[in-house]
Amino acid sequence: MKYKSKIDWWYAGIYVVLYACLFYCIAVGPIWPGMAFGIIILAFLPLCVLLHFVDTYYIFEGPCLRIHSWPFINRRIPYGNMAAIKKVNSFAGGASLSSQQIEIQYLKGKKTKTAYISPKGREEFMKKLMDRVDEERNGGKS
């Protein structure tokens, strides 16, 4: 099942502000020669934020949790490599669009890494994730 990321109002507000700036710059027009380049850059930013909104999701995929956030994050974390899972309220970035997050500490090689995710239905998601981790640790026996 695909879980979309929860989106906080403040994050959506960034999107609104970027578009308001873009429309203002287009309405006023380039005041100085370099401003046209700035308008092009400003037009690209809301597109990036929009892609982040619509393409951030989490999937229970076989023996792994898949974390996807458009082209930059596409990570698969095996349940057996997850060392700690806890609910946190944080503004850590990554594949998270909300401050109500789940922090996953996992082993990658000999290093401990941390991933932050913010699925809609955090309680339900966390329960399903913990069930899968427990099942993996018990050798497939629930």
Foldseek 3Di string as FASTA:
>chain_A
DKFAADADPVLVVVLVVLVVVLVVCVVVDDPDDCVVVVSVVSVVVSVLSVQQRPWFIWDPDVQWIFTTGPPPGTDTAGLQFWDDKDWAQDPDDDSHNHSGWIWTWGDDPNDIDIDIGGTVVVVVVVVVSVVSSVCVVVVNDD
